[in-house]
């Protein structure tokens, strides 16, 4: 199983970025997907999630600015980030998760750095 995140970079405050995470080795459409971020020295923070059925949810800190979406045909989950703020600077990682009976399966991708300059 592999999750490959990309799309990070350096952007000025107020700008936009779109992160992508491509999965392989799983039946992508069965999985709930999420984006998380982490700043050095701090705990990882949940950002947004989308269920296998397409229901989305965002953290309050990004509501109205970030949008999570998925394309099951491309095995890809996206995070559209608009109106970026310096406090959004972090390493962003994707996660795929599934409950199957009593078993939980979850897989993480490597992170992609997002840096927002003021």
PDB file of N, CA and C in Angstrom:
ATOM      1  N   UNK A   1       0.852  -1.191   0.000  1.00  0.00           N
ATOM      2  CA  UNK A   1       0.000   0.000   0.000  1.00  0.00           C
ATOM      3  C   UNK A   1       0.887   1.239   0.000  1.00  0.00           C
ATOM      4  N   UNK A   2       0.538   2.197  -0.829  1.00  0.00           N
ATOM      5  CA  UNK A   2       1.313   3.432  -0.883  1.00  0.00           C
ATOM      6  C   UNK A   2       0.386   4.619  -1.088  1.00  0.00           C
ATOM      7  N   UNK A   3       0.628   5.666  -0.312  1.00  0.00           N
ATOM      8  CA  UNK A   3      -0.063   6.930  -0.495  1.00  0.00           C
ATOM      9  C   UNK A   3       1.008   7.982  -0.773  1.00  0.00           C
ATOM     10  N   UNK A   4       0.885   8.652  -1.877  1.00  0.00           N
ATOM     11  CA  UNK A   4       1.897   9.612  -2.325  1.00  0.00           C
ATOM     12  C   UNK A   4       1.275  11.000  -2.385  1.00  0.00           C
ATOM     13  N   UNK A   5       1.695  11.861  -1.460  1.00  0.00           N
ATOM     14  CA  UNK A   5       1.179  13.232  -1.417  1.00  0.00           C
ATOM     15  C   UNK A   5       2.086  14.163  -2.198  1.00  0.00           C
ATOM     16  N   UNK A   6       1.484  15.168  -2.802  1.00  0.00           N
ATOM     17  CA  UNK A   6       2.245  16.168  -3.554  1.00  0.00           C
ATOM     18  C   UNK A   6       1.464  17.471  -3.590  1.00  0.00           C
ATOM     19  N   UNK A   7       2.121  18.506  -4.105  1.00  0.00           N
ATOM     20  CA  UNK A   7       1.442  19.779  -4.292  1.00  0.00           C
ATOM     21  C   UNK A   7       1.823  20.866  -3.305  1.00  0.00           C
ATOM     22  N   UNK A   8       2.624  20.524  -2.310  1.00  0.00           N
ATOM     23  CA  UNK A   8       3.051  21.541  -1.358  1.00  0.00           C
ATOM     24  C   UNK A   8       4.020  22.521  -1.990  1.00  0.00           C
ATOM     25  N   UNK A   9       4.326  23.571  -1.240  1.00  0.00           N
ATOM     26  CA  UNK A   9       5.252  24.564  -1.740  1.00  0.00           C
ATOM     27  C   UNK A   9       5.215  25.813  -0.896  1.00  0.00           C
ATOM     28  N   UNK A  10       5.833  26.856  -1.436  1.00  0.00           N
ATOM     29  CA  UNK A  10       5.885  28.157  -0.765  1.00  0.00           C
ATOM     30  C   UNK A  10       4.895  29.089  -1.451  1.00  0.00           C
ATOM     31  N   UNK A  11       4.055  29.724  -0.653  1.00  0.00           N
ATOM     32  CA  UNK A  11       3.046  30.628  -1.201  1.00  0.00           C
ATOM     33  C   UNK A  11       2.893  31.814  -0.262  1.00  0.00           C
ATOM     34  N   UNK A  12       2.518  32.946  -0.805  1.00  0.00           N
ATOM     35  CA  UNK A  12       2.278  34.124   0.025  1.00  0.00           C
ATOM     36  C   UNK A  12       0.916  34.021   0.708  1.00  0.00           C
ATOM     37  N   UNK A  13       0.791  34.691   1.818  1.00  0.00           N
ATOM     38  CA  UNK A  13      -0.487  34.752   2.525  1.00  0.00           C
ATOM     39  C   UNK A  13      -1.573  35.253   1.572  1.00  0.00           C
ATOM     40  N   UNK A  14      -2.736  34.597   1.644  1.00  0.00           N
ATOM     41  CA  UNK A  14      -3.833  34.921   0.746  1.00  0.00           C
ATOM     42  C   UNK A  14      -3.863  34.079  -0.514  1.00  0.00           C
ATOM     43  N   UNK A  15      -2.784  33.347  -0.749  1.00  0.00           N
ATOM     44  CA  UNK A  15      -2.703  32.525  -1.944  1.00  0.00           C
ATOM     45  C   UNK A  15      -3.378  31.175  -1.779  1.00  0.00           C
ATOM     46  N   UNK A  16      -3.215  30.342  -2.812  1.00  0.00           N
ATOM     47  CA  UNK A  16      -3.869  29.038  -2.848  1.00  0.00           C
ATOM     48  C   UNK A  16      -2.886  27.945  -3.244  1.00  0.00           C
ATOM     49  N   UNK A  17      -3.180  26.754  -2.787  1.00  0.00           N
ATOM     50  CA  UNK A  17      -2.465  25.551  -3.203  1.00  0.00           C
ATOM     51  C   UNK A  17      -3.469  24.411  -3.264  1.00  0.00           C
ATOM     52  N   UNK A  18      -3.179  23.425  -4.112  1.00  0.00           N
ATOM     53  CA  UNK A  18      -3.982  22.205  -4.119  1.00  0.00           C
ATOM     54  C   UNK A  18      -3.075  21.014  -3.886  1.00  0.00           C
ATOM     55  N   UNK A  19      -3.347  20.303  -2.822  1.00  0.00           N
ATOM     56  CA  UNK A  19      -2.605  19.094  -2.509  1.00  0.00           C
ATOM     57  C   UNK A  19      -3.318  17.892  -3.120  1.00  0.00           C
ATOM     58  N   UNK A  20      -2.521  16.914  -3.543  1.00  0.00           N
ATOM     59  CA  UNK A  20      -3.048  15.662  -4.068  1.00  0.00           C
ATOM     60  C   UNK A  20      -2.420  14.503  -3.322  1.00  0.00           C
ATOM     61  N   UNK A  21      -3.161  13.427  -3.194  1.00  0.00           N
ATOM     62  CA  UNK A  21      -2.632  12.205  -2.580  1.00  0.00           C
ATOM     63  C   UNK A  21      -3.159  11.035  -3.389  1.00  0.00           C
ATOM     64  N   UNK A  22      -2.240  10.336  -4.045  1.00  0.00           N
ATOM     65  CA  UNK A  22      -2.603   9.198  -4.880  1.00  0.00           C
ATOM     66  C   UNK A  22      -2.337   7.915  -4.112  1.00  0.00           C
ATOM     67  N   UNK A  23      -3.314   7.026  -4.093  1.00  0.00           N
ATOM     68  CA  UNK A  23      -3.193   5.772  -3.362  1.00  0.00           C
ATOM     69  C   UNK A  23      -3.056   4.607  -4.325  1.00  0.00           C
ATOM     70  N   UNK A  24      -2.311   3.612  -3.898  1.00  0.00           N
ATOM     71  CA  UNK A  24      -2.211   2.369  -4.649  1.00  0.00           C
ATOM     72  C   UNK A  24      -2.184   1.215  -3.659  1.00  0.00           C
ATOM     73  N   UNK A  25      -2.666   0.064  -4.122  1.00  0.00           N
ATOM     74  CA  UNK A  25      -2.635  -1.115  -3.271  1.00  0.00           C
ATOM     75  C   UNK A  25      -3.850  -1.303  -2.389  1.00  0.00           C
ATOM     76  N   UNK A  26      -4.828  -0.420  -2.507  1.00  0.00           N
ATOM     77  CA  UNK A  26      -6.072  -0.540  -1.744  1.00  0.00           C
ATOM     78  C   UNK A  26      -7.259  -0.345  -2.686  1.00  0.00           C
ATOM     79  N   UNK A  27      -8.428  -0.829  -2.260  1.00  0.00           N
ATOM     80  CA  UNK A  27      -9.665  -0.539  -2.990  1.00  0.00           C
ATOM     81  C   UNK A  27     -10.114   0.831  -2.526  1.00  0.00           C
ATOM     82  N   UNK A  28      -9.665   1.819  -3.238  1.00  0.00           N
ATOM     83  CA  UNK A  28      -9.726   3.218  -2.801  1.00  0.00           C
ATOM     84  C   UNK A  28     -11.137   3.644  -2.410  1.00  0.00           C
ATOM     85  N   UNK A  29     -12.125   3.238  -3.168  1.00  0.00           N
ATOM     86  CA  UNK A  29     -13.494   3.721  -2.955  1.00  0.00           C
ATOM     87  C   UNK A  29     -14.077   3.243  -1.624  1.00  0.00           C
ATOM     88  N   UNK A  30     -13.492   2.228  -1.028  1.00  0.00           N
ATOM     89  CA  UNK A  30     -14.005   1.704   0.240  1.00  0.00           C
ATOM     90  C   UNK A  30     -13.491   2.491   1.449  1.00  0.00           C
ATOM     91  N   UNK A  31     -12.511   3.354   1.230  1.00  0.00           N
ATOM     92  CA  UNK A  31     -11.804   3.998   2.339  1.00  0.00           C
ATOM     93  C   UNK A  31     -12.301   5.416   2.607  1.00  0.00           C
ATOM     94  N   UNK A  32     -12.355   5.745   3.894  1.00  0.00           N
ATOM     95  CA  UNK A  32     -12.482   7.135   4.313  1.00  0.00           C
ATOM     96  C   UNK A  32     -11.092   7.763   4.228  1.00  0.00           C
ATOM     97  N   UNK A  33     -11.048   9.032   3.866  1.00  0.00           N
ATOM     98  CA  UNK A  33      -9.773   9.699   3.621  1.00  0.00           C
ATOM     99  C   UNK A  33      -9.668  10.973   4.435  1.00  0.00           C
ATOM    100  N   UNK A  34      -8.455  11.304   4.807  1.00  0.00           N
ATOM    101  CA  UNK A  34      -8.286  12.513   5.595  1.00  0.00           C
ATOM    102  C   UNK A  34      -6.958  13.196   5.315  1.00  0.00           C
ATOM    103  N   UNK A  35      -6.934  14.489   5.604  1.00  0.00           N
ATOM    104  CA  UNK A  35      -5.707  15.266   5.579  1.00  0.00           C
ATOM    105  C   UNK A  35      -5.406  15.729   7.003  1.00  0.00           C
ATOM    106  N   UNK A  36      -4.134  15.654   7.351  1.00  0.00           N
ATOM    107  CA  UNK A  36      -3.661  16.079   8.662  1.00  0.00           C
ATOM    108  C   UNK A  36      -2.450  16.976   8.441  1.00  0.00           C
ATOM    109  N   UNK A  37      -2.102  17.749   9.461  1.00  0.00           N
ATOM    110  CA  UNK A  37      -0.901  18.577   9.351  1.00  0.00           C
ATOM    111  C   UNK A  37      -0.168  18.595  10.679  1.00  0.00           C
ATOM    112  N   UNK A  38       1.121  18.844  10.580  1.00  0.00           N
ATOM    113  CA  UNK A  38       1.953  18.853  11.779  1.00  0.00           C
ATOM    114  C   UNK A  38       3.043  19.888  11.657  1.00  0.00           C
ATOM    115  N   UNK A  39       3.210  20.630  12.734  1.00  0.00           N
ATOM    116  CA  UNK A  39       4.284  21.595  12.866  1.00  0.00           C
ATOM    117  C   UNK A  39       5.309  20.992  13.819  1.00  0.00           C
ATOM    118  N   UNK A  40       6.604  21.137  13.552  1.00  0.00           N
ATOM    119  CA  UNK A  40       7.619  20.573  14.460  1.00  0.00           C
ATOM    120  C   UNK A  40       7.382  20.990  15.900  1.00  0.00           C
ATOM    121  N   UNK A  41       7.401  20.008  16.801  1.00  0.00           N
ATOM    122  CA  UNK A  41       7.222  20.281  18.208  1.00  0.00           C
ATOM    123  C   UNK A  41       5.779  20.295  18.658  1.00  0.00           C
ATOM    124  N   UNK A  42       4.848  20.109  17.715  1.00  0.00           N
ATOM    125  CA  UNK A  42       3.428  20.100  18.061  1.00  0.00           C
ATOM    126  C   UNK A  42       2.794  18.792  17.621  1.00  0.00           C
ATOM    127  N   UNK A  43       1.624  18.502  18.207  1.00  0.00           N
ATOM    128  CA  UNK A  43       0.902  17.291  17.825  1.00  0.00           C
ATOM    129  C   UNK A  43       0.307  17.431  16.429  1.00  0.00           C
ATOM    130  N   UNK A  44       0.165  16.276  15.783  1.00  0.00           N
ATOM    131  CA  UNK A  44      -0.467  16.284  14.480  1.00  0.00           C
ATOM    132  C   UNK A  44      -1.921  16.716  14.638  1.00  0.00           C
ATOM    133  N   UNK A  45      -2.397  17.503  13.689  1.00  0.00           N
ATOM    134  CA  UNK A  45      -3.733  18.088  13.746  1.00  0.00           C
ATOM    135  C   UNK A  45      -4.563  17.603  12.570  1.00  0.00           C
ATOM    136  N   UNK A  46      -5.778  17.169  12.829  1.00  0.00           N
ATOM    137  CA  UNK A  46      -6.704  16.808  11.755  1.00  0.00           C
ATOM    138  C   UNK A  46      -7.158  18.073  11.037  1.00  0.00           C
ATOM    139  N   UNK A  47      -7.220  18.014   9.704  1.00  0.00           N
ATOM    140  CA  UNK A  47      -7.604  19.170   8.900  1.00  0.00           C
ATOM    141  C   UNK A  47      -8.968  18.970   8.251  1.00  0.00           C
ATOM    142  N   UNK A  48      -9.115  17.831   7.559  1.00  0.00           N
ATOM    143  CA  UNK A  48     -10.359  17.597   6.821  1.00  0.00           C
ATOM    144  C   UNK A  48     -10.477  16.114   6.526  1.00  0.00           C
ATOM    145  N   UNK A  49     -11.705  15.661   6.317  1.00  0.00           N
ATOM    146  CA  UNK A  49     -11.918  14.262   5.972  1.00  0.00           C
ATOM    147  C   UNK A  49     -13.095  14.135   5.015  1.00  0.00           C
ATOM    148  N   UNK A  50     -13.092  13.019   4.299  1.00  0.00           N
ATOM    149  CA  UNK A  50     -14.187  12.697   3.387  1.00  0.00           C
ATOM    150  C   UNK A  50     -14.424  11.201   3.490  1.00  0.00           C
ATOM    151  N   UNK A  51     -15.686  10.828   3.681  1.00  0.00           N
ATOM    152  CA  UNK A  51     -16.006   9.415   3.837  1.00  0.00           C
ATOM    153  C   UNK A  51     -16.070   8.721   2.478  1.00  0.00           C
ATOM    154  N   UNK A  52     -16.177   7.404   2.525  1.00  0.00           N
ATOM    155  CA  UNK A  52     -16.326   6.648   1.281  1.00  0.00           C
ATOM    156  C   UNK A  52     -17.591   7.067   0.545  1.00  0.00           C
ATOM    157  N   UNK A  53     -18.575   7.541   1.267  1.00  0.00           N
ATOM    158  CA  UNK A  53     -19.820   7.993   0.664  1.00  0.00           C
ATOM    159  C   UNK A  53     -19.807   9.442   0.217  1.00  0.00           C
ATOM    160  N   UNK A  54     -18.717  10.151   0.502  1.00  0.00           N
ATOM    161  CA  UNK A  54     -18.581  11.525   0.030  1.00  0.00           C
ATOM    162  C   UNK A  54     -18.915  12.608   1.041  1.00  0.00           C
ATOM    163  N   UNK A  55     -19.223  12.222   2.272  1.00  0.00           N
ATOM    164  CA  UNK A  55     -19.506  13.224   3.299  1.00  0.00           C
ATOM    165  C   UNK A  55     -18.207  13.861   3.763  1.00  0.00           C
ATOM    166  N   UNK A  56     -18.183  15.186   3.809  1.00  0.00           N
ATOM    167  CA  UNK A  56     -16.963  15.904   4.173  1.00  0.00           C
ATOM    168  C   UNK A  56     -17.119  16.601   5.519  1.00  0.00           C
ATOM    169  N   UNK A  57     -15.977  16.850   6.121  1.00  0.00           N
ATOM    170  CA  UNK A  57     -15.943  17.585   7.374  1.00  0.00           C
ATOM    171  C   UNK A  57     -14.587  18.271   7.473  1.00  0.00           C
ATOM    172  N   UNK A  58     -14.616  19.490   8.015  1.00  0.00           N
ATOM    173  CA  UNK A  58     -13.376  20.264   8.141  1.00  0.00           C
ATOM    174  C   UNK A  58     -13.171  20.713   9.576  1.00  0.00           C
ATOM    175  N   UNK A  59     -11.918  20.901   9.937  1.00  0.00           N
ATOM    176  CA  UNK A  59     -11.608  21.521  11.217  1.00  0.00           C
ATOM    177  C   UNK A  59     -12.073  22.980  11.191  1.00  0.00           C
ATOM    178  N   UNK A  60     -12.437  23.502  12.361  1.00  0.00           N
ATOM    179  CA  UNK A  60     -12.928  24.880  12.425  1.00  0.00           C
ATOM    180  C   UNK A  60     -11.891  25.868  11.890  1.00  0.00           C
ATOM    181  N   UNK A  61     -10.621  25.569  12.100  1.00  0.00           N
ATOM    182  CA  UNK A  61      -9.556  26.493  11.708  1.00  0.00           C
ATOM    183  C   UNK A  61      -9.448  26.669  10.192  1.00  0.00           C
ATOM    184  N   UNK A  62     -10.029  25.756   9.428  1.00  0.00           N
ATOM    185  CA  UNK A  62      -9.915  25.843   7.966  1.00  0.00           C
ATOM    186  C   UNK A  62     -11.273  25.952   7.275  1.00  0.00           C
ATOM    187  N   UNK A  63     -12.336  25.964   8.054  1.00  0.00           N
ATOM    188  CA  UNK A  63     -13.688  26.039   7.466  1.00  0.00           C
ATOM    189  C   UNK A  63     -13.819  27.283   6.607  1.00  0.00           C
ATOM    190  N   UNK A  64     -14.410  27.081   5.437  1.00  0.00           N
ATOM    191  CA  UNK A  64     -14.603  28.187   4.516  1.00  0.00           C
ATOM    192  C   UNK A  64     -13.395  28.497   3.658  1.00  0.00           C
ATOM    193  N   UNK A  65     -12.256  27.874   3.963  1.00  0.00           N
ATOM    194  CA  UNK A  65     -11.034  28.124   3.189  1.00  0.00           C
ATOM    195  C   UNK A  65     -10.516  26.881   2.491  1.00  0.00           C
ATOM    196  N   UNK A  66     -10.637  25.731   3.116  1.00  0.00           N
ATOM    197  CA  UNK A  66     -10.121  24.475   2.568  1.00  0.00           C
ATOM    198  C   UNK A  66     -11.282  23.587   2.145  1.00  0.00           C
ATOM    199  N   UNK A  67     -11.083  22.850   1.057  1.00  0.00           N
ATOM    200  CA  UNK A  67     -12.098  21.907   0.566  1.00  0.00           C
ATOM    201  C   UNK A  67     -11.432  20.584   0.240  1.00  0.00           C
ATOM    202  N   UNK A  68     -11.968  19.520   0.820  1.00  0.00           N
ATOM    203  CA  UNK A  68     -11.468  18.177   0.516  1.00  0.00           C
ATOM    204  C   UNK A  68     -12.393  17.544  -0.516  1.00  0.00           C
ATOM    205  N   UNK A  69     -11.808  16.795  -1.443  1.00  0.00           N
ATOM    206  CA  UNK A  69     -12.600  16.092  -2.446  1.00  0.00           C
ATOM    207  C   UNK A  69     -11.854  14.821  -2.836  1.00  0.00           C
ATOM    208  N   UNK A  70     -12.557  13.952  -3.540  1.00  0.00           N
ATOM    209  CA  UNK A  70     -11.941  12.698  -3.967  1.00  0.00           C
ATOM    210  C   UNK A  70     -12.364  12.357  -5.370  1.00  0.00           C
ATOM    211  N   UNK A  71     -11.492  11.641  -6.065  1.00  0.00           N
ATOM    212  CA  UNK A  71     -11.785  11.111  -7.382  1.00  0.00           C
ATOM    213  C   UNK A  71     -11.458   9.624  -7.333  1.00  0.00           C
ATOM    214  N   UNK A  72     -12.482   8.808  -7.166  1.00  0.00           N
ATOM    215  CA  UNK A  72     -12.252   7.374  -7.020  1.00  0.00           C
ATOM    216  C   UNK A  72     -11.670   6.753  -8.295  1.00  0.00           C
ATOM    217  N   UNK A  73     -12.000   7.315  -9.434  1.00  0.00           N
ATOM    218  CA  UNK A  73     -11.463   6.783 -10.696  1.00  0.00           C
ATOM    219  C   UNK A  73      -9.961   6.978 -10.780  1.00  0.00           C
ATOM    220  N   UNK A  74      -9.452   7.994 -10.090  1.00  0.00           N
ATOM    221  CA  UNK A  74      -8.010   8.280 -10.111  1.00  0.00           C
ATOM    222  C   UNK A  74      -7.324   7.884  -8.813  1.00  0.00           C
ATOM    223  N   UNK A  75      -8.061   7.269  -7.886  1.00  0.00           N
ATOM    224  CA  UNK A  75      -7.491   6.887  -6.588  1.00  0.00           C
ATOM    225  C   UNK A  75      -6.811   8.070  -5.900  1.00  0.00           C
ATOM    226  N   UNK A  76      -7.447   9.221  -5.984  1.00  0.00           N
ATOM    227  CA  UNK A  76      -6.816  10.449  -5.507  1.00  0.00           C
ATOM    228  C   UNK A  76      -7.754  11.247  -4.605  1.00  0.00           C
ATOM    229  N   UNK A  77      -7.177  11.770  -3.536  1.00  0.00           N
ATOM    230  CA  UNK A  77      -7.877  12.710  -2.665  1.00  0.00           C
ATOM    231  C   UNK A  77      -7.158  14.046  -2.769  1.00  0.00           C
ATOM    232  N   UNK A  78      -7.944  15.117  -2.771  1.00  0.00           N
ATOM    233  CA  UNK A  78      -7.408  16.460  -2.937  1.00  0.00           C
ATOM    234  C   UNK A  78      -7.712  17.315  -1.706  1.00  0.00           C
ATOM    235  N   UNK A  79      -6.883  18.329  -1.527  1.00  0.00           N
ATOM    236  CA  UNK A  79      -7.175  19.361  -0.540  1.00  0.00           C
ATOM    237  C   UNK A  79      -6.923  20.703  -1.215  1.00  0.00           C
ATOM    238  N   UNK A  80      -7.997  21.391  -1.546  1.00  0.00           N
ATOM    239  CA  UNK A  80      -7.890  22.729  -2.116  1.00  0.00           C
ATOM    240  C   UNK A  80      -7.792  23.715  -0.966  1.00  0.00           C
ATOM    241  N   UNK A  81      -6.720  24.472  -0.930  1.00  0.00           N
ATOM    242  CA  UNK A  81      -6.478  25.405   0.169  1.00  0.00           C
ATOM    243  C   UNK A  81      -6.461  26.821  -0.383  1.00  0.00           C
ATOM    244  N   UNK A  82      -7.413  27.612   0.037  1.00  0.00           N
ATOM    245  CA  UNK A  82      -7.522  29.003  -0.392  1.00  0.00           C
ATOM    246  C   UNK A  82      -7.317  29.932   0.795  1.00  0.00           C
ATOM    247  N   UNK A  83      -7.044  31.176   0.485  1.00  0.00           N
ATOM    248  CA  UNK A  83      -6.854  32.210   1.516  1.00  0.00           C
ATOM    249  C   UNK A  83      -5.901  31.714   2.598  1.00  0.00           C
ATOM    250  N   UNK A  84      -4.777  31.233   2.169  1.00  0.00           N
ATOM    251  CA  UNK A  84      -3.814  30.647   3.103  1.00  0.00           C
ATOM    252  C   UNK A  84      -3.266  31.695   4.055  1.00  0.00           C
ATOM    253  N   UNK A  85      -2.981  31.245   5.267  1.00  0.00           N
ATOM    254  CA  UNK A  85      -2.449  32.098   6.331  1.00  0.00           C
ATOM    255  C   UNK A  85      -1.101  31.534   6.783  1.00  0.00           C
ATOM    256  N   UNK A  86      -0.243  32.366   7.344  1.00  0.00           N
ATOM    257  CA  UNK A  86       1.044  31.844   7.850  1.00  0.00           C
ATOM    258  C   UNK A  86       0.871  30.698   8.843  1.00  0.00           C
ATOM    259  N   UNK A  87      -0.199  30.709   9.608  1.00  0.00           N
ATOM    260  CA  UNK A  87      -0.416  29.637  10.582  1.00  0.00           C
ATOM    261  C   UNK A  87      -0.822  28.311   9.933  1.00  0.00           C
ATOM    262  N   UNK A  88      -1.050  28.314   8.631  1.00  0.00           N
ATOM    263  CA  UNK A  88      -1.302  27.059   7.904  1.00  0.00           C
ATOM    264  C   UNK A  88       0.005  26.344   7.549  1.00  0.00           C
ATOM    265  N   UNK A  89       1.124  26.983   7.794  1.00  0.00           N
ATOM    266  CA  UNK A  89       2.419  26.376   7.508  1.00  0.00           C
ATOM    267  C   UNK A  89       2.592  25.098   8.314  1.00  0.00           C
ATOM    268  N   UNK A  90       2.869  23.996   7.614  1.00  0.00           N
ATOM    269  CA  UNK A  90       2.987  22.685   8.259  1.00  0.00           C
ATOM    270  C   UNK A  90       3.357  21.651   7.203  1.00  0.00           C
ATOM    271  N   UNK A  91       3.642  20.458   7.679  1.00  0.00           N
ATOM    272  CA  UNK A  91       3.748  19.302   6.795  1.00  0.00           C
ATOM    273  C   UNK A  91       2.371  18.649   6.751  1.00  0.00           C
ATOM    274  N   UNK A  92       1.845  18.497   5.547  1.00  0.00           N
ATOM    275  CA  UNK A  92       0.502  17.938   5.357  1.00  0.00           C
ATOM    276  C   UNK A  92       0.622  16.489   4.891  1.00  0.00           C
ATOM    277  N   UNK A  93      -0.140  15.611   5.545  1.00  0.00           N
ATOM    278  CA  UNK A  93      -0.118  14.189   5.228  1.00  0.00           C
ATOM    279  C   UNK A  93      -1.532  13.696   4.981  1.00  0.00           C
ATOM    280  N   UNK A  94      -1.650  12.655   4.149  1.00  0.00           N
ATOM    281  CA  UNK A  94      -2.954  12.057   3.886  1.00  0.00           C
ATOM    282  C   UNK A  94      -3.046  10.703   4.576  1.00  0.00           C
ATOM    283  N   UNK A  95      -4.293  10.303   4.848  1.00  0.00           N
ATOM    284  CA  UNK A  95      -4.551   9.039   5.531  1.00  0.00           C
ATOM    285  C   UNK A  95      -5.747   8.365   4.891  1.00  0.00           C
ATOM    286  N   UNK A  96      -5.653   7.060   4.736  1.00  0.00           N
ATOM    287  CA  UNK A  96      -6.768   6.245   4.263  1.00  0.00           C
ATOM    288  C   UNK A  96      -7.135   5.279   5.370  1.00  0.00           C
ATOM    289  N   UNK A  97      -8.428   5.186   5.665  1.00  0.00           N
ATOM    290  CA  UNK A  97      -8.877   4.393   6.803  1.00  0.00           C
ATOM    291  C   UNK A  97     -10.144   3.621   6.453  1.00  0.00           C
ATOM    292  N   UNK A  98     -10.205   2.411   7.001  1.00  0.00           N
ATOM    293  CA  UNK A  98     -11.387   1.601   6.747  1.00  0.00           C
ATOM    294  C   UNK A  98     -11.646   0.684   7.928  1.00  0.00           C
ATOM    295  N   UNK A  99     -12.893   0.538   8.297  1.00  0.00           N
ATOM    296  CA  UNK A  99     -13.312  -0.464   9.273  1.00  0.00           C
ATOM    297  C   UNK A  99     -13.915  -1.633   8.521  1.00  0.00           C
ATOM    298  N   UNK A 100     -13.403  -2.833   8.860  1.00  0.00           N
ATOM    299  CA  UNK A 100     -13.935  -4.034   8.201  1.00  0.00           C
ATOM    300  C   UNK A 100     -14.238  -5.033   9.299  1.00  0.00           C
ATOM    301  N   UNK A 101     -15.507  -5.104   9.676  1.00  0.00           N
ATOM    302  CA  UNK A 101     -15.872  -5.905  10.831  1.00  0.00           C
ATOM    303  C   UNK A 101     -15.236  -5.297  12.065  1.00  0.00           C
ATOM    304  N   UNK A 102     -14.484  -6.099  12.776  1.00  0.00           N
ATOM    305  CA  UNK A 102     -13.823  -5.627  13.992  1.00  0.00           C
ATOM    306  C   UNK A 102     -12.420  -5.099  13.719  1.00  0.00           C
ATOM    307  N   UNK A 103     -12.018  -5.127  12.479  1.00  0.00           N
ATOM    308  CA  UNK A 103     -10.650  -4.727  12.140  1.00  0.00           C
ATOM    309  C   UNK A 103     -10.628  -3.333  11.543  1.00  0.00           C
ATOM    310  N   UNK A 104      -9.586  -2.615  11.915  1.00  0.00           N
ATOM    311  CA  UNK A 104      -9.390  -1.272  11.377  1.00  0.00           C
ATOM    312  C   UNK A 104      -8.110  -1.271  10.552  1.00  0.00           C
ATOM    313  N   UNK A 105      -8.215  -0.725   9.367  1.00  0.00           N
ATOM    314  CA  UNK A 105      -7.059  -0.592   8.491  1.00  0.00           C
ATOM    315  C   UNK A 105      -6.802   0.896   8.277  1.00  0.00           C
ATOM    316  N   UNK A 106      -5.592   1.348   8.514  1.00  0.00           N
ATOM    317  CA  UNK A 106      -5.281   2.722   8.176  1.00  0.00           C
ATOM    318  C   UNK A 106      -3.854   2.813   7.643  1.00  0.00           C
ATOM    319  N   UNK A 107      -3.707   3.687   6.677  1.00  0.00           N
ATOM    320  CA  UNK A 107      -2.436   3.883   5.985  1.00  0.00           C
ATOM    321  C   UNK A 107      -2.166   5.369   5.843  1.00  0.00           C
ATOM    322  N   UNK A 108      -0.891   5.708   6.016  1.00  0.00           N
ATOM    323  CA  UNK A 108      -0.466   7.106   5.936  1.00  0.00           C
ATOM    324  C   UNK A 108       0.464   7.309   4.754  1.00  0.00           C
ATOM    325  N   UNK A 109       0.340   8.474   4.162  1.00  0.00           N
ATOM    326  CA  UNK A 109       1.294   8.873   3.148  1.00  0.00           C
ATOM    327  C   UNK A 109       2.399   9.707   3.767  1.00  0.00           C
ATOM    328  N   UNK A 110       3.444   9.917   3.005  1.00  0.00           N
ATOM    329  CA  UNK A 110       4.506  10.802   3.483  1.00  0.00           C
ATOM    330  C   UNK A 110       3.996  12.239   3.365  1.00  0.00           C
ATOM    331  N   UNK A 111       4.584  13.151   4.045  1.00  0.00           N
ATOM    332  CA  UNK A 111       4.066  14.509   4.059  1.00  0.00           C
ATOM    333  C   UNK A 111       4.567  15.358   2.904  1.00  0.00           C
ATOM    334  N   UNK A 112       3.863  16.445   2.700  1.00  0.00           N
ATOM    335  CA  UNK A 112       4.295  17.463   1.756  1.00  0.00           C
ATOM    336  C   UNK A 112       4.294  18.801   2.486  1.00  0.00           C
ATOM    337  N   UNK A 113       5.385  19.552   2.333  1.00  0.00           N
ATOM    338  CA  UNK A 113       5.555  20.782   3.095  1.00  0.00           C
ATOM    339  C   UNK A 113       4.776  21.926   2.464  1.00  0.00           C
ATOM    340  N   UNK A 114       4.016  22.618   3.293  1.00  0.00           N
ATOM    341  CA  UNK A 114       3.341  23.845   2.870  1.00  0.00           C
ATOM    342  C   UNK A 114       3.883  24.983   3.721  1.00  0.00           C
ATOM    343  N   UNK A 115       4.390  25.999   3.075  1.00  0.00           N
ATOM    344  CA  UNK A 115       4.925  27.159   3.771  1.00  0.00           C
ATOM    345  C   UNK A 115       4.225  28.409   3.259  1.00  0.00           C
ATOM    346  N   UNK A 116       3.630  29.149   4.188  1.00  0.00           N
ATOM    347  CA  UNK A 116       2.903  30.363   3.830  1.00  0.00           C
ATOM    348  C   UNK A 116       3.649  31.552   4.418  1.00  0.00           C
ATOM    349  N   UNK A 117       4.105  32.436   3.567  1.00  0.00           N
ATOM    350  CA  UNK A 117       4.858  33.609   4.019  1.00  0.00           C
ATOM    351  C   UNK A 117       3.917  34.800   4.218  1.00  0.00           C
ATOM    352  N   UNK A 118       4.272  35.625   5.178  1.00  0.00           N
ATOM    353  CA  UNK A 118       3.413  36.787   5.490  1.00  0.00           C
ATOM    354  C   UNK A 118       3.820  38.006   4.669  1.00  0.00           C
TER     355      UNK A 118
END
